[in-house]
Each structure stands twice: as structure tokens, then as C-alpha cells.
Amino acid sequence: MNQIKSIPRREVKKPKPPLKCAVVISSTRLTPNMQRVVLGGPDVAGFTPDRAGANLKICVPPAALTPNAFRASLSDNSAAKILRTFTVQSSDPVRGTLTVDFALHEPVGHAPAGDWARTAKPGDFLGYRGPSDKKMTNFTAGTYILHADMTALPAIGAILADMPRTAAGHAFIEITHKDDVQNLDAPEGIKINWLVHPDPSKPSTQAIQAIKALSLPDSLQVAVIGEHTVVADLRDYFLKQVGLDPLQNYISPYWKIGLKEDEHQILKKSERD
């Protein structure tokens, strides 16, 4: 049976690949709360194609470091690093570029990667590691339900683009402002519902309520990604109440209100153990 890829937990972790350095080619305000940064440089030239939707670890450069000093710090295990996880929006091996969309947060000063992207300009630099494997690769259901917030919008966009053009279902995407709507490459049978949630620092239940109000078919796959509390509620609903197989569906919290990424990773690990 075809299954959505699930990376098994390992008893012994593999060594992490080295951090590389990328140079900003362009930086554009895509919507009021999303910044698109195109990266290039010698390290990006060998970036593998078809990784849209895969995870990418970003290393934010300290403001005081020169490019040469920052490159040296990437391979220095004793150097303090600001690492955040993002999603590959697209990659172009012909041009040697990698595109990453950064959700912007208010107030400035609470999201190092988003703050860096907000003011990024050609010639700036940052580190990266990855990409991972794509998260959802096989589509076997008749109907799909998807949920994402702005942090997961690039990932849900990639999943929609990879779906069979005959796919049907619903996508519920929470955005900060009505002008954050994007033109996604989705099958015609997927109804995209844009839900405005103007303050992501406060909990939202509108996607939960909308999804639980749906009539569910027998053949169903889901992709649920975004803020931890919303994802946890929908994970319990789909896996425990509806009875979906976790190996056939992609459900993953990307962040949690009030926690830094490192703190959130600890929480996720504690919930798995």
C-alpha cells in the first residue's frame, strides 16, 4: 500500500550535515505579512531540485559578523547559533537559487529569522542546513482536508501543487490580513477557505470549528500543520475520534504560542516519549 512518508524515530541520531552559507539575490514583500527571499551563491548551486515543501534549517547571522567571520562560525561547533526551521518554497538548480518565504511577526524583535528577512537586501547572507525529504508524497484518498497558518503556508502550498489534479476536498488557511491571500497551485476540486486571524499571538479556534463541522467521507487523507494548540486538537480529532492512520496522514505542529523553537522542540519530544 502506498503510504505518506514517515521518518522513523532513530535510537542513534545521524550526524547533522554541515551548515552552508547562502547569499541574498532578492527580497520582496510578497504580502503584508510574508517576505520572499531568493538565495544564491556557490553553496546553493548544488541544491537539489524538487524540494518544495521540505524543511530547511536557517541559521540567522549576528549583525556584527562579517561574511568571512560568519562563514567560519558555521563550522565552529562552539559558536552560539540562532537556528530556525523553515520550508523550501522552490529551488531552481539551473539558476542556482533557493527561495524561502518568511512569515513576518509583530512586534519586531520576537522572531529573529523573520526580523532578518524583513530587512534583507541583495548581498546579505545567512546559513542553512538541509533540505529534508518532502513530507507528503503519496496521495491515495478520494477527499482531502488541509489546514495551515502563515508559518505553514509554503508547506501547504507545496502539498496542494503535488496533489493529483482530480483531488477534491477543503483547505483551511489562517492568514493575518485579508491581503495575505496567495494564488496557490491547487486542484480545482479543493476549496480553499481563507480565514483571517489578525493576532497570531492569541489562540484561534475558527479552523478547528470549520473542520469539525464537515461531513467526512470514508476515503480521507489530511495534512494539518501550524500552531501547536490547533494541531494538537485536530490530531486528536482525526486520529482518535475519526480513526485515521497516522502513517497515511501528515500532522505536525510547527510552533507554539509563547515558546521559542528550541522550547517547542522539547515539548514535542516530551509528547512523543
Protein backbone atom coordinates (compact mmCIF):
# COMPACT_ATOMS: atom_id res chain seq x y z
CA MET A 1 0.00 0.00 0.00
CA ASN A 2 1.26 3.47 -0.78
CA GLN A 3 1.95 5.47 2.33
CA ILE A 4 2.81 9.05 3.13
CA LYS A 5 6.47 9.15 4.07
CA SER A 6 7.06 8.92 7.78
CA ILE A 7 10.62 9.19 9.08
CA PRO A 8 11.03 6.59 11.85
CA ARG A 9 12.50 7.63 15.15
CA ARG A 10 16.11 6.55 15.47
CA GLU A 11 17.86 5.24 18.58
CA VAL A 12 21.14 6.76 17.36
CA LYS A 13 20.96 10.10 15.63
CA LYS A 14 22.82 10.56 12.39
CA PRO A 15 25.43 13.33 12.32
CA LYS A 16 23.91 16.60 11.17
CA PRO A 17 25.08 17.81 7.76
CA PRO A 18 27.29 20.91 7.83
CA LEU A 19 25.81 24.38 7.71
CA LYS A 20 26.32 26.19 4.41
CA CYS A 21 26.24 29.87 3.53
CA ALA A 22 23.75 31.47 1.14
CA VAL A 23 23.72 34.98 -0.30
CA VAL A 24 20.56 37.05 -0.82
CA ILE A 25 19.76 37.59 -4.51
CA SER A 26 16.48 39.40 -3.91
CA SER A 27 14.00 40.09 -1.12
CA THR A 28 10.38 41.02 -1.82
CA ARG A 29 7.33 41.72 0.35
CA LEU A 30 5.02 39.12 -1.14
CA THR A 31 2.02 40.08 1.01
CA PRO A 32 1.72 42.32 4.08
CA ASN A 33 2.96 39.54 6.36
CA MET A 34 5.11 37.36 4.09
CA GLN A 35 8.60 38.12 2.81
CA ARG A 36 10.04 36.11 -0.10
CA VAL A 37 13.83 35.79 -0.14
CA VAL A 38 15.70 34.31 -3.10
CA LEU A 39 19.09 32.90 -2.13
CA GLY A 40 22.10 32.02 -4.24
CA GLY A 41 25.87 31.68 -4.02
CA PRO A 42 28.33 28.81 -4.52
CA ASP A 43 26.86 26.65 -1.74
CA VAL A 44 23.34 26.90 -3.18
CA ALA A 45 24.44 25.98 -6.71
CA GLY A 46 24.28 22.25 -5.89
CA PHE A 47 20.92 22.40 -4.13
CA THR A 48 18.74 19.52 -5.22
CA PRO A 49 15.58 20.22 -7.25
CA ASP A 50 12.03 19.25 -6.36
CA ARG A 51 12.30 20.07 -2.66
CA ALA A 52 9.34 22.45 -2.40
CA GLY A 53 7.70 21.75 0.94
CA ALA A 54 10.78 20.22 2.56
CA ASN A 55 12.19 21.51 5.83
CA LEU A 56 15.23 23.76 5.83
CA LYS A 57 17.19 24.81 8.91
CA ILE A 58 18.06 28.50 8.79
CA CYS A 59 20.99 30.00 10.72
CA VAL A 60 20.46 33.72 11.32
CA PRO A 61 23.70 35.75 11.15
CA PRO A 62 24.59 38.02 14.09
CA ALA A 63 24.53 41.62 12.97
CA ALA A 64 28.15 42.27 13.97
CA LEU A 65 29.77 39.46 11.95
CA THR A 66 31.43 39.99 8.59
CA PRO A 67 30.70 37.46 5.80
CA ASN A 68 34.05 35.73 6.31
CA ALA A 69 33.62 35.57 10.08
CA PHE A 70 30.09 34.22 9.69
CA ARG A 71 31.25 31.50 7.28
CA ALA A 72 33.90 30.47 9.79
CA SER A 73 31.33 30.39 12.61
CA LEU A 74 29.11 27.94 10.69
CA SER A 75 31.66 25.15 11.11
CA ASP A 76 32.56 26.14 14.67
CA ASN A 77 30.53 23.89 16.98
CA SER A 78 31.34 26.11 19.96
CA ALA A 79 29.89 29.24 18.36
CA ALA A 80 26.41 30.23 19.50
CA LYS A 81 23.87 29.98 16.69
CA ILE A 82 20.29 31.10 16.11
CA LEU A 83 18.63 28.21 14.24
CA ARG A 84 15.06 28.19 12.97
CA THR A 85 13.13 25.76 10.77
CA PHE A 86 11.56 26.98 7.54
CA THR A 87 10.10 25.47 4.37
CA VAL A 88 11.59 25.44 0.89
CA GLN A 89 9.22 27.42 -1.31
CA SER A 90 11.06 26.43 -4.51
CA SER A 91 14.52 25.69 -5.85
CA ASP A 92 16.00 26.26 -9.29
CA PRO A 93 19.15 24.22 -9.99
CA VAL A 94 19.54 25.87 -13.39
CA ARG A 95 19.73 29.37 -11.92
CA GLY A 96 21.36 28.09 -8.74
CA THR A 97 18.76 29.67 -6.48
CA LEU A 98 16.69 28.70 -3.47
CA THR A 99 13.52 30.54 -2.43
CA VAL A 100 12.22 30.75 1.15
CA ASP A 101 9.09 32.56 2.34
CA PHE A 102 9.28 34.08 5.84
CA ALA A 103 6.11 34.79 7.80
CA LEU A 104 6.52 38.18 9.48
CA HIS A 105 5.51 38.75 13.07
CA GLU A 106 4.70 41.78 15.17
CA PRO A 107 6.16 43.28 17.21
CA VAL A 108 9.65 43.24 15.71
CA GLY A 109 12.23 41.65 17.97
CA HIS A 110 10.49 38.38 18.81
CA ALA A 111 11.25 36.36 15.64
CA PRO A 112 14.96 36.50 14.67
CA ALA A 113 14.56 34.87 11.24
CA GLY A 114 11.51 36.92 10.28
CA ASP A 115 13.17 40.10 11.52
CA TRP A 116 16.25 39.28 9.41
CA ALA A 117 14.09 38.64 6.32
CA ARG A 118 12.11 41.86 6.83
CA THR A 119 15.20 43.97 6.11
CA ALA A 120 17.21 41.53 3.95
CA LYS A 121 18.77 43.03 0.83
CA PRO A 122 20.91 41.68 -2.03
CA GLY A 123 24.37 40.76 -0.79
CA ASP A 124 23.23 39.83 2.73
CA PHE A 125 23.90 36.28 3.86
CA LEU A 126 22.61 33.53 6.15
CA GLY A 127 23.37 29.90 6.91
CA TYR A 128 21.29 26.87 6.10
CA ARG A 129 21.24 23.11 6.52
CA GLY A 130 19.13 20.71 4.50
CA PRO A 131 16.76 20.11 2.89
CA SER A 132 14.87 17.24 4.46
CA ASP A 133 12.70 14.85 2.50
CA LYS A 134 9.34 16.17 1.35
CA LYS A 135 6.66 15.48 3.93
CA MET A 136 3.68 14.31 1.90
CA THR A 137 4.42 12.44 -1.29
CA ASN A 138 1.71 9.87 -1.92
CA PHE A 139 -1.96 10.70 -2.37
CA THR A 140 -4.36 7.78 -2.21
CA ALA A 141 -7.67 9.17 -0.91
CA GLY A 142 -10.75 10.47 -2.63
CA THR A 143 -11.05 13.51 -0.36
CA TYR A 144 -8.51 15.71 1.43
CA ILE A 145 -8.73 18.14 4.33
CA LEU A 146 -5.84 20.51 4.88
CA HIS A 147 -5.07 23.15 7.46
CA ALA A 148 -2.22 25.65 7.78
CA ASP A 149 -1.45 29.04 9.23
CA MET A 150 1.00 31.53 7.72
CA THR A 151 4.07 29.71 9.05
CA ALA A 152 2.91 26.59 7.21
CA LEU A 153 1.55 28.31 4.10
CA PRO A 154 4.62 27.41 1.95
CA ALA A 155 4.31 23.76 3.03
CA ILE A 156 0.58 23.52 2.34
CA GLY A 157 1.13 25.28 -1.00
CA ALA A 158 3.65 22.62 -1.99
CA ILE A 159 1.30 19.81 -0.95
CA LEU A 160 -1.54 21.30 -2.98
CA ALA A 161 0.76 21.64 -6.02
CA ASP A 162 1.80 17.98 -5.75
CA MET A 163 -1.75 16.63 -5.46
CA PRO A 164 -3.42 14.85 -8.36
CA ARG A 165 -5.43 17.36 -10.38
CA THR A 166 -8.51 15.23 -9.70
CA ALA A 167 -8.24 15.67 -5.90
CA ALA A 168 -11.22 17.08 -4.03
CA GLY A 169 -11.73 18.48 -0.55
CA HIS A 170 -11.12 21.53 1.59
CA ALA A 171 -8.14 23.63 2.68
CA PHE A 172 -8.47 26.00 5.64
CA ILE A 173 -5.66 28.54 5.78
CA GLU A 174 -5.38 31.14 8.54
CA ILE A 175 -3.79 34.43 7.49
CA THR A 176 -3.04 37.60 9.42
CA HIS A 177 -4.63 40.05 6.96
CA LYS A 178 -7.06 39.66 4.09
CA ASP A 179 -4.32 40.79 1.70
CA ASP A 180 -2.14 37.82 2.73
CA VAL A 181 -4.15 35.62 0.35
CA GLN A 182 -1.89 33.92 -2.21
CA ASN A 183 -2.58 32.36 -5.58
CA LEU A 184 -1.89 28.69 -4.87
CA ASP A 185 -1.50 25.91 -7.44
CA ALA A 186 -4.35 23.77 -6.12
CA PRO A 187 -6.59 21.22 -7.85
CA GLU A 188 -9.93 22.70 -8.91
CA GLY A 189 -11.73 20.29 -6.59
CA ILE A 190 -10.01 21.65 -3.48
CA LYS A 191 -11.97 24.55 -1.99
CA ILE A 192 -9.57 26.96 -0.31
CA ASN A 193 -11.04 28.78 2.69
CA TRP A 194 -9.01 31.81 3.79
CA LEU A 195 -9.60 32.58 7.48
CA VAL A 196 -8.35 35.93 8.79
CA HIS A 197 -6.82 35.72 12.27
CA PRO A 198 -5.31 39.16 12.88
CA ASP A 199 -3.38 38.32 16.05
CA PRO A 200 -1.43 35.03 15.78
CA SER A 201 -0.12 35.55 19.32
CA LYS A 202 -3.60 34.67 20.56
CA PRO A 203 -5.25 31.23 20.22
CA SER A 204 -7.64 30.63 17.33
CA THR A 205 -10.43 28.06 17.08
CA GLN A 206 -12.03 29.05 13.78
CA ALA A 207 -10.24 26.40 11.70
CA ILE A 208 -10.99 23.73 14.31
CA GLN A 209 -14.68 24.61 14.28
CA ALA A 210 -14.87 24.74 10.48
CA ILE A 211 -13.15 21.38 10.04
CA LYS A 212 -15.19 19.59 12.68
CA ALA A 213 -18.38 20.84 11.03
CA LEU A 214 -17.55 18.97 7.81
CA SER A 215 -19.16 15.68 6.86
CA LEU A 216 -16.33 13.18 6.48
CA PRO A 217 -16.14 10.63 3.65
CA ASP A 218 -14.88 7.07 4.00
CA SER A 219 -11.74 7.74 1.94
CA LEU A 220 -9.89 10.65 3.58
CA GLN A 221 -6.36 11.97 3.98
CA VAL A 222 -5.38 15.06 5.92
CA ALA A 223 -2.48 17.48 6.23
CA VAL A 224 -2.63 19.58 9.40
CA ILE A 225 0.28 21.92 10.16
CA GLY A 226 0.69 25.16 12.07
CA GLU A 227 0.34 26.34 15.68
CA HIS A 228 0.73 23.60 18.29
CA THR A 229 -2.58 24.00 20.10
CA VAL A 230 -4.64 23.91 16.91
CA VAL A 231 -2.69 20.97 15.50
CA ALA A 232 -2.96 19.01 18.77
CA ASP A 233 -6.74 19.45 18.85
CA LEU A 234 -7.14 18.35 15.23
CA ARG A 235 -4.66 15.49 15.68
CA ASP A 236 -6.80 14.08 18.49
CA TYR A 237 -9.90 14.57 16.39
CA PHE A 238 -8.60 12.85 13.26
CA LEU A 239 -6.55 10.09 14.87
CA LYS A 240 -8.56 9.26 18.00
CA GLN A 241 -12.13 10.17 17.11
CA VAL A 242 -12.20 9.66 13.35
CA GLY A 243 -9.65 6.83 13.46
CA LEU A 244 -7.30 7.86 10.67
CA ASP A 245 -3.95 6.08 10.36
CA PRO A 246 -1.06 8.40 11.37
CA LEU A 247 1.14 6.81 8.70
CA GLN A 248 -1.30 7.84 6.00
CA ASN A 249 -1.57 11.47 7.08
CA TYR A 250 0.74 14.42 7.79
CA ILE A 251 0.03 16.14 11.11
CA SER A 252 2.76 18.30 12.59
CA PRO A 253 2.89 21.35 14.90
CA TYR A 254 5.38 23.93 13.60
CA TRP A 255 5.35 26.32 16.56
CA LYS A 256 3.55 27.15 19.79
CA ILE A 257 2.34 30.48 21.13
CA GLY A 258 4.73 31.73 23.82
CA LEU A 259 7.59 29.30 23.09
CA LYS A 260 10.84 29.71 21.19
CA GLU A 261 11.65 26.99 18.65
CA ASP A 262 14.09 25.19 20.96
CA GLU A 263 11.49 25.17 23.74
CA HIS A 264 8.84 23.90 21.34
CA GLN A 265 11.11 21.07 20.19
CA ILE A 266 11.49 19.97 23.81
CA LEU A 267 7.71 20.00 24.23
CA LYS A 268 7.20 17.94 21.07
CA LYS A 269 9.77 15.39 22.22
CA SER A 270 8.11 15.09 25.63
CA GLU A 271 4.75 14.42 23.98
CA ARG A 272 6.26 11.68 21.81
CA ASP A 273 8.01 9.93 24.73
